[in-house]
Amino acid sequence: MKLHSLASAALCVSLLAGTAALAQDQAPPGNFRAAIQAVRQACDSDTKQYCADKQGREVFACLRQNSDKLSQGCKDAMAKLPRRRPAAPPPDQQ
């Protein structure tokens, strides 16, 4: 009986750890918002110059597309942004 309880407890711990890891993959890291704010501040003039017609995520895509033209402070802030993981390919439809 003790062995069964121990195995059940180990399974619960494994499931909780897996769920926590999954949640971390889905939720932005704690510094993500701070990194975004740092980019907004450091890249303010670059955004106005190169990406004035963009909003939201389009601004960051625009800044990345114009990375060779950005100020050094903006480049440094952009380099500190966490990279998104590529999406998993869809399963084969067979």
N, C-alpha and C. Protein backbone atom coordinates (compact mmCIF):
# COMPACT_ATOMS: atom_id res chain seq x y z
N MET A 1 0.82 -1.19 0.00
CA MET A 1 0.00 0.00 0.00
C MET A 1 0.87 1.26 0.00
N LYS A 2 1.97 1.27 0.79
CA LYS A 2 2.85 2.43 0.83
C LYS A 2 3.50 2.67 -0.53
N LEU A 3 3.87 1.59 -1.22
CA LEU A 3 4.50 1.71 -2.52
C LEU A 3 3.53 2.35 -3.51
N HIS A 4 2.27 1.95 -3.45
CA HIS A 4 1.25 2.52 -4.33
C HIS A 4 1.07 4.02 -4.04
N SER A 5 1.03 4.40 -2.78
CA SER A 5 0.89 5.81 -2.41
C SER A 5 2.09 6.62 -2.85
N LEU A 6 3.27 6.04 -2.72
CA LEU A 6 4.49 6.72 -3.13
C LEU A 6 4.50 6.92 -4.65
N ALA A 7 4.08 5.92 -5.38
CA ALA A 7 4.02 6.03 -6.84
C ALA A 7 2.99 7.08 -7.25
N SER A 8 1.87 7.11 -6.58
CA SER A 8 0.84 8.11 -6.88
C SER A 8 1.36 9.52 -6.59
N ALA A 9 2.05 9.68 -5.50
CA ALA A 9 2.61 10.99 -5.15
C ALA A 9 3.64 11.43 -6.19
N ALA A 10 4.48 10.50 -6.63
CA ALA A 10 5.49 10.82 -7.63
C ALA A 10 4.83 11.23 -8.95
N LEU A 11 3.75 10.55 -9.31
CA LEU A 11 3.02 10.89 -10.53
C LEU A 11 2.42 12.29 -10.42
N CYS A 12 1.85 12.61 -9.27
CA CYS A 12 1.27 13.94 -9.06
C CYS A 12 2.33 15.02 -9.18
N VAL A 13 3.50 14.79 -8.59
CA VAL A 13 4.59 15.76 -8.66
C VAL A 13 5.03 15.94 -10.11
N SER A 14 5.13 14.84 -10.86
CA SER A 14 5.52 14.92 -12.27
C SER A 14 4.50 15.71 -13.08
N LEU A 15 3.22 15.46 -12.83
CA LEU A 15 2.17 16.18 -13.55
C LEU A 15 2.20 17.66 -13.22
N LEU A 16 2.38 18.00 -11.96
CA LEU A 16 2.45 19.40 -11.56
C LEU A 16 3.65 20.10 -12.18
N ALA A 17 4.78 19.41 -12.20
CA ALA A 17 5.99 20.00 -12.79
C ALA A 17 5.79 20.22 -14.28
N GLY A 18 5.17 19.26 -14.95
CA GLY A 18 4.89 19.40 -16.38
C GLY A 18 3.94 20.53 -16.65
N THR A 19 2.92 20.67 -15.82
CA THR A 19 1.96 21.75 -15.98
C THR A 19 2.62 23.10 -15.76
N ALA A 20 3.49 23.19 -14.77
CA ALA A 20 4.20 24.44 -14.51
C ALA A 20 5.11 24.80 -15.68
N ALA A 21 5.79 23.81 -16.25
CA ALA A 21 6.66 24.07 -17.40
C ALA A 21 5.84 24.53 -18.60
N LEU A 22 4.69 23.90 -18.81
CA LEU A 22 3.82 24.30 -19.91
C LEU A 22 3.33 25.72 -19.70
N ALA A 23 2.95 26.05 -18.48
CA ALA A 23 2.47 27.40 -18.18
C ALA A 23 3.57 28.43 -18.42
N GLN A 24 4.81 28.08 -18.11
CA GLN A 24 5.92 29.00 -18.34
C GLN A 24 6.13 29.23 -19.83
N ASP A 25 5.95 28.17 -20.64
CA ASP A 25 6.11 28.32 -22.08
C ASP A 25 5.03 29.23 -22.65
N GLN A 26 3.84 29.20 -22.07
CA GLN A 26 2.73 29.97 -22.60
C GLN A 26 2.70 31.40 -22.05
N ALA A 27 3.14 31.59 -20.84
CA ALA A 27 3.10 32.92 -20.22
C ALA A 27 4.43 33.62 -20.45
N PRO A 28 4.41 34.91 -20.67
CA PRO A 28 5.67 35.63 -20.84
C PRO A 28 6.48 35.63 -19.56
N PRO A 29 7.79 35.64 -19.68
CA PRO A 29 8.64 35.69 -18.48
C PRO A 29 8.37 36.97 -17.69
N GLY A 30 8.76 36.96 -16.44
CA GLY A 30 8.53 38.11 -15.57
C GLY A 30 9.13 39.40 -16.08
N ASN A 31 10.28 39.31 -16.74
CA ASN A 31 10.94 40.53 -17.22
C ASN A 31 10.44 40.95 -18.59
N PHE A 32 9.54 40.20 -19.18
CA PHE A 32 9.08 40.50 -20.53
C PHE A 32 8.51 41.90 -20.63
N ARG A 33 7.62 42.24 -19.71
CA ARG A 33 7.01 43.58 -19.74
C ARG A 33 8.06 44.67 -19.55
N ALA A 34 9.02 44.42 -18.67
CA ALA A 34 10.08 45.40 -18.46
C ALA A 34 10.92 45.56 -19.73
N ALA A 35 11.19 44.45 -20.41
CA ALA A 35 11.97 44.50 -21.64
C ALA A 35 11.22 45.26 -22.73
N ILE A 36 9.91 45.03 -22.82
CA ILE A 36 9.08 45.74 -23.80
C ILE A 36 9.11 47.25 -23.50
N GLN A 37 8.96 47.60 -22.23
CA GLN A 37 8.98 49.01 -21.85
C GLN A 37 10.34 49.64 -22.16
N ALA A 38 11.41 48.91 -21.93
CA ALA A 38 12.75 49.42 -22.24
C ALA A 38 12.90 49.66 -23.74
N VAL A 39 12.35 48.76 -24.55
CA VAL A 39 12.40 48.95 -26.01
C VAL A 39 11.60 50.19 -26.40
N ARG A 40 10.42 50.33 -25.82
CA ARG A 40 9.60 51.50 -26.15
C ARG A 40 10.34 52.80 -25.84
N GLN A 41 11.01 52.84 -24.71
CA GLN A 41 11.73 54.06 -24.33
C GLN A 41 12.96 54.27 -25.20
N ALA A 42 13.75 53.22 -25.38
CA ALA A 42 15.00 53.35 -26.13
C ALA A 42 14.76 53.57 -27.62
N CYS A 43 13.64 53.08 -28.12
CA CYS A 43 13.37 53.12 -29.55
C CYS A 43 12.34 54.17 -29.94
N ASP A 44 12.02 55.06 -29.04
CA ASP A 44 10.96 56.04 -29.31
C ASP A 44 11.23 56.83 -30.59
N SER A 45 12.41 57.41 -30.71
CA SER A 45 12.70 58.22 -31.90
C SER A 45 12.82 57.34 -33.15
N ASP A 46 13.36 56.12 -33.00
CA ASP A 46 13.44 55.20 -34.14
C ASP A 46 12.05 54.80 -34.61
N THR A 47 11.16 54.57 -33.66
CA THR A 47 9.78 54.20 -34.00
C THR A 47 9.10 55.34 -34.76
N LYS A 48 9.28 56.55 -34.29
CA LYS A 48 8.68 57.71 -34.97
C LYS A 48 9.26 57.88 -36.37
N GLN A 49 10.54 57.59 -36.52
CA GLN A 49 11.19 57.79 -37.81
C GLN A 49 10.86 56.69 -38.82
N TYR A 50 10.90 55.42 -38.38
CA TYR A 50 10.77 54.30 -39.32
C TYR A 50 9.43 53.58 -39.28
N CYS A 51 8.70 53.70 -38.18
CA CYS A 51 7.51 52.86 -38.00
C CYS A 51 6.30 53.65 -37.51
N ALA A 52 6.22 54.91 -37.87
CA ALA A 52 5.16 55.78 -37.36
C ALA A 52 3.76 55.29 -37.72
N ASP A 53 3.64 54.59 -38.83
CA ASP A 53 2.32 54.13 -39.27
C ASP A 53 1.94 52.77 -38.71
N LYS A 54 2.75 52.22 -37.83
CA LYS A 54 2.51 50.88 -37.27
C LYS A 54 1.99 50.99 -35.83
N GLN A 55 1.28 49.92 -35.40
CA GLN A 55 0.79 49.85 -34.03
C GLN A 55 0.97 48.44 -33.50
N GLY A 56 1.04 48.34 -32.16
CA GLY A 56 1.12 47.03 -31.50
C GLY A 56 2.33 46.23 -31.94
N ARG A 57 2.10 44.96 -32.23
CA ARG A 57 3.19 44.06 -32.62
C ARG A 57 3.84 44.48 -33.93
N GLU A 58 3.09 45.18 -34.76
CA GLU A 58 3.65 45.64 -36.03
C GLU A 58 4.84 46.56 -35.82
N VAL A 59 4.83 47.31 -34.71
CA VAL A 59 5.95 48.20 -34.41
C VAL A 59 7.22 47.39 -34.22
N PHE A 60 7.13 46.30 -33.44
CA PHE A 60 8.32 45.49 -33.17
C PHE A 60 8.79 44.79 -34.44
N ALA A 61 7.86 44.34 -35.27
CA ALA A 61 8.24 43.73 -36.54
C ALA A 61 8.93 44.76 -37.43
N CYS A 62 8.41 45.97 -37.45
CA CYS A 62 9.00 47.04 -38.24
C CYS A 62 10.41 47.37 -37.74
N LEU A 63 10.56 47.45 -36.43
CA LEU A 63 11.88 47.74 -35.87
C LEU A 63 12.87 46.64 -36.25
N ARG A 64 12.42 45.39 -36.20
CA ARG A 64 13.31 44.29 -36.59
C ARG A 64 13.67 44.38 -38.07
N GLN A 65 12.71 44.76 -38.90
CA GLN A 65 12.98 44.89 -40.34
C GLN A 65 13.95 46.02 -40.64
N ASN A 66 13.97 47.02 -39.78
CA ASN A 66 14.86 48.17 -39.97
C ASN A 66 16.04 48.14 -39.01
N SER A 67 16.42 46.97 -38.54
CA SER A 67 17.43 46.86 -37.49
C SER A 67 18.77 47.49 -37.87
N ASP A 68 19.10 47.50 -39.14
CA ASP A 68 20.38 48.09 -39.56
C ASP A 68 20.38 49.62 -39.46
N LYS A 69 19.20 50.22 -39.36
CA LYS A 69 19.08 51.68 -39.31
C LYS A 69 18.89 52.22 -37.89
N LEU A 70 18.66 51.35 -36.93
CA LEU A 70 18.28 51.77 -35.57
C LEU A 70 19.46 52.36 -34.80
N SER A 71 19.14 53.21 -33.84
CA SER A 71 20.16 53.75 -32.93
C SER A 71 20.73 52.62 -32.10
N GLN A 72 21.92 52.83 -31.59
CA GLN A 72 22.58 51.77 -30.81
C GLN A 72 21.79 51.43 -29.55
N GLY A 73 21.21 52.42 -28.88
CA GLY A 73 20.42 52.16 -27.68
C GLY A 73 19.20 51.30 -27.99
N CYS A 74 18.57 51.56 -29.12
CA CYS A 74 17.42 50.76 -29.55
C CYS A 74 17.86 49.34 -29.87
N LYS A 75 18.97 49.20 -30.59
CA LYS A 75 19.50 47.86 -30.91
C LYS A 75 19.78 47.08 -29.64
N ASP A 76 20.38 47.74 -28.66
CA ASP A 76 20.71 47.06 -27.39
C ASP A 76 19.44 46.60 -26.68
N ALA A 77 18.43 47.46 -26.64
CA ALA A 77 17.17 47.09 -25.99
C ALA A 77 16.48 45.95 -26.74
N MET A 78 16.50 46.00 -28.06
CA MET A 78 15.89 44.94 -28.86
C MET A 78 16.60 43.60 -28.63
N ALA A 79 17.91 43.66 -28.46
CA ALA A 79 18.68 42.44 -28.26
C ALA A 79 18.32 41.75 -26.94
N LYS A 80 17.80 42.50 -25.99
CA LYS A 80 17.44 41.93 -24.69
C LYS A 80 16.03 41.34 -24.67
N LEU A 81 15.27 41.55 -25.74
CA LEU A 81 13.92 40.96 -25.81
C LEU A 81 14.02 39.46 -25.94
N PRO A 82 13.19 38.73 -25.21
CA PRO A 82 13.17 37.27 -25.39
C PRO A 82 12.66 36.95 -26.79
N ARG A 83 13.25 35.96 -27.40
CA ARG A 83 12.82 35.53 -28.73
C ARG A 83 11.65 34.59 -28.60
N ARG A 84 10.72 34.71 -29.51
CA ARG A 84 9.58 33.78 -29.54
C ARG A 84 10.05 32.46 -30.12
N ARG A 85 9.52 31.40 -29.58
CA ARG A 85 9.81 30.09 -30.14
C ARG A 85 8.95 29.89 -31.38
N PRO A 86 9.52 29.26 -32.41
CA PRO A 86 8.68 29.00 -33.58
C PRO A 86 7.54 28.06 -33.22
N ALA A 87 6.43 28.26 -33.85
CA ALA A 87 5.26 27.42 -33.59
C ALA A 87 5.55 25.99 -34.05
N ALA A 88 5.02 25.04 -33.34
CA ALA A 88 5.19 23.64 -33.72
C ALA A 88 4.44 23.41 -35.03
N PRO A 89 5.03 22.62 -35.92
CA PRO A 89 4.33 22.36 -37.18
C PRO A 89 3.04 21.57 -36.92
N PRO A 90 2.03 21.79 -37.75
CA PRO A 90 0.76 21.06 -37.54
C PRO A 90 0.97 19.57 -37.78
N PRO A 91 0.22 18.74 -37.06
CA PRO A 91 0.37 17.29 -37.26
C PRO A 91 -0.08 16.92 -38.67
N ASP A 92 0.54 15.89 -39.20
CA ASP A 92 0.16 15.42 -40.54
C ASP A 92 -1.28 14.97 -40.55
N GLN A 93 -1.97 15.34 -41.58
CA GLN A 93 -3.37 14.94 -41.75
C GLN A 93 -3.40 13.72 -42.67
N GLN A 94 -3.25 12.55 -42.11
CA GLN A 94 -3.25 11.33 -42.92
C GLN A 94 -4.45 10.50 -42.65
